[in-house]
Protein backbone atom coordinates (compact mmCIF):
# COMPACT_ATOMS: atom_id res chain seq x y z
CA MET A 1 60.01 74.62 95.88
CA SER A 2 61.61 77.97 96.71
CA GLU A 3 59.87 80.93 98.26
CA ASP A 4 58.65 83.67 95.94
CA PRO A 5 60.56 86.91 96.78
CA ARG A 6 57.24 88.77 96.69
CA ASP A 7 56.04 86.63 99.64
CA ARG A 8 59.01 87.87 101.65
CA GLN A 9 57.97 91.45 100.86
CA ARG A 10 54.35 90.78 101.92
CA ARG A 11 55.30 89.26 105.28
CA PRO A 12 54.89 91.79 108.07
CA LEU A 13 58.02 93.25 109.59
CA SER A 14 58.91 91.96 113.03
CA ALA A 15 58.26 94.23 116.01
CA GLY A 16 62.02 94.61 116.43
CA PHE A 17 62.50 95.94 112.91
CA ILE A 18 59.52 98.25 113.30
CA ALA A 19 61.08 99.64 116.50
CA VAL A 20 64.42 100.14 114.72
CA ILE A 21 62.72 101.90 111.81
CA VAL A 22 60.73 104.19 114.13
CA PHE A 23 63.91 105.02 116.07
CA LYS A 24 65.76 105.87 112.84
CA TYR A 25 62.89 108.11 111.70
CA LEU A 26 62.82 109.86 115.09
CA LYS A 27 66.56 110.51 114.86
CA ALA A 28 66.07 111.76 111.30
CA ALA A 29 63.36 114.18 112.43
CA ALA A 30 65.51 115.45 115.31
CA PHE A 31 68.56 116.06 113.11
CA LEU A 32 66.49 117.66 110.35
CA LEU A 33 64.82 120.00 112.84
CA LEU A 34 68.16 120.87 114.42
CA GLY A 35 69.67 121.52 111.01
CA ILE A 36 66.80 123.72 109.86
CA VAL A 37 66.94 125.76 113.08
CA ALA A 38 70.73 126.16 112.73
CA LEU A 39 70.44 127.24 109.10
CA ARG A 40 67.77 129.75 110.06
CA ILE A 41 69.91 131.10 112.92
CA ALA A 42 72.94 131.40 110.60
CA ARG A 43 71.00 133.91 108.50
CA LEU A 44 70.13 136.19 111.43
CA PRO A 45 71.71 139.63 111.72
CA SER A 46 74.51 139.78 114.29
CA HIS A 47 73.40 140.23 117.93
CA SER A 48 69.71 139.65 117.12
CA GLU A 49 69.94 136.00 118.09
CA PRO A 50 68.23 136.07 121.52
CA MET A 51 65.06 137.75 120.27
CA GLU A 52 64.93 135.78 117.04
CA ILE A 53 65.60 132.46 118.77
CA ALA A 54 62.88 133.21 121.32
CA LYS A 55 60.47 134.19 118.55
CA PHE A 56 61.29 131.12 116.47
CA LEU A 57 60.91 128.76 119.44
CA ARG A 58 57.93 130.72 120.81
CA VAL A 59 59.46 131.20 124.24
CA GLU A 60 60.47 134.23 126.32
CA ALA A 61 63.79 135.80 125.35
CA GLU A 62 64.86 135.88 129.01
CA ARG A 63 64.75 132.09 129.41
CA GLU A 64 67.95 130.43 130.52
CA GLY A 65 68.12 128.19 127.45
CA VAL A 66 67.80 131.14 125.06
CA ARG A 67 70.52 133.00 126.97
CA ARG A 68 72.89 130.01 126.84
CA LEU A 69 72.24 129.44 123.15
CA SER A 70 72.91 133.12 122.46
CA GLU A 71 76.21 132.95 124.36
CA LEU A 72 77.20 129.88 122.37
CA LEU A 73 76.31 131.58 119.09
CA SER A 74 78.42 134.60 119.98
CA GLN A 75 81.46 132.30 120.02
CA VAL A 76 80.98 130.92 116.50
CA THR A 77 80.76 132.46 113.07
CA PRO A 78 77.62 132.35 110.92
CA GLY A 79 79.59 130.11 108.55
CA GLN A 80 80.25 127.60 111.33
CA VAL A 81 76.56 127.62 112.29
CA GLN A 82 75.66 127.12 108.63
CA ALA A 83 78.11 124.20 108.31
CA PHE A 84 76.65 122.64 111.47
CA GLY A 85 73.14 123.09 110.08
CA ALA A 86 74.04 121.55 106.73
CA ALA A 87 75.76 118.61 108.44
CA SER A 88 72.72 118.06 110.66
CA VAL A 89 70.40 118.05 107.64
CA PHE A 90 72.69 115.55 105.89
CA VAL A 91 72.77 113.24 108.94
CA GLY A 92 68.97 113.50 109.19
CA LEU A 93 68.61 112.48 105.56
CA VAL A 94 70.93 109.51 106.11
CA PHE A 95 68.81 108.34 109.07
CA ALA A 96 65.65 108.76 106.97
CA ALA A 97 67.20 106.74 104.15
CA GLU A 98 68.30 104.06 106.60
CA GLY A 99 64.77 103.72 108.00
CA SER A 100 63.27 103.74 104.52
CA PHE A 101 65.63 101.04 103.23
CA LEU A 102 64.73 98.83 106.20
CA ALA A 103 61.01 99.48 105.70
CA ALA A 104 61.37 98.54 102.03
CA ARG A 105 63.18 95.32 103.05
CA ILE A 106 66.07 95.94 100.67
CA TRP A 107 68.45 93.03 101.16
CA TRP A 108 71.50 95.17 101.97
CA ALA A 109 69.62 97.56 104.29
CA THR A 110 70.56 95.54 107.37
CA TYR A 111 74.25 95.75 106.45
CA PHE A 112 73.89 99.51 105.89
CA THR A 113 72.32 99.84 109.36
CA ILE A 114 75.01 97.69 110.97
CA PHE A 115 77.75 99.79 109.36
CA LEU A 116 76.24 103.16 110.29
CA THR A 117 75.32 102.10 113.81
CA ALA A 118 78.81 100.68 114.41
CA LEU A 119 80.33 103.98 113.20
CA GLY A 120 78.43 105.83 115.91
CA ILE A 121 79.49 103.61 118.82
CA PRO A 122 83.00 105.16 119.27
CA LEU A 123 81.44 108.65 119.19
CA GLU A 124 78.97 107.65 121.89
CA ILE A 125 81.75 106.18 124.04
CA GLY A 126 83.60 109.48 123.69
CA GLU A 127 80.47 111.35 124.81
CA MET A 128 80.15 109.05 127.83
CA LEU A 129 83.75 109.79 128.78
CA LYS A 130 83.21 113.55 128.36
CA ARG A 131 79.92 113.65 130.24
CA PRO A 132 79.80 110.68 132.61
CA GLY A 133 76.82 112.08 134.54
CA ASN A 134 74.54 112.43 131.51
CA LEU A 135 72.05 109.53 131.55
CA ARG A 136 70.75 110.37 128.06
CA VAL A 137 74.16 109.48 126.59
CA TYR A 138 74.08 106.07 128.28
CA ALA A 139 70.50 105.45 127.13
CA LEU A 140 71.34 106.25 123.50
CA PHE A 141 74.43 104.06 123.70
CA ALA A 142 72.37 101.14 125.08
CA ILE A 143 69.70 101.59 122.39
CA ASN A 144 72.29 101.67 119.61
CA VAL A 145 74.11 98.59 120.94
CA ALA A 146 70.76 96.78 121.15
CA ILE A 147 69.98 97.81 117.56
CA LEU A 148 73.42 96.64 116.42
CA VAL A 149 73.02 93.23 118.09
CA TYR A 150 69.42 92.78 116.90
CA VAL A 151 70.10 93.73 113.28
CA TRP A 152 73.32 91.67 113.23
CA ARG A 153 71.42 88.57 114.34
CA ARG A 154 68.73 89.15 111.72
CA ARG A 155 70.97 90.59 108.99
CA ASN A 156 69.92 88.09 106.32
CA GLU A 157 66.18 88.31 106.95
CA PHE A 158 65.51 90.33 103.79
CA ARG A 159 67.57 88.13 101.46
CA SER A 160 65.87 85.83 99.05
CA PRO A 161 66.49 82.18 99.83
CA PRO A 162 68.79 80.38 97.40
CA GLU A 163 66.95 78.82 94.51
CA GLY A 164 67.54 75.21 94.21
């Protein structure tokens, strides 16, 4: 007798899949926040960035981070900031969809995650080569490789068994 597909949906997710889903949602939140901030900054009047950034982030305008961000913004156009913001929002939505598909146990969600995670690996290697002293880059790379291996090994977990 074959397993009812509804039983597969009722089974709790493994701790590994829960961790992957939480990680994808955290990345989604980070990219969405970054995108919203960038879109807000793109609408600021020219040269008002330091005060507005400080006000938006609720920090002092003289802080080093605000000064650096202002210098960076002076080198790009509002259109470039807007494009960056829109791209960040899009990436955040993709991560949210990825986590949601896994949480819903859609049979192809694991393949979607494998594909998207594998796409990011070359970018992360490039970041490691550019900034070899940045431990955060290595940590994210290790997490994404672990996700790739874990999901690859369990890629068929959400499929219905063949009826026979």
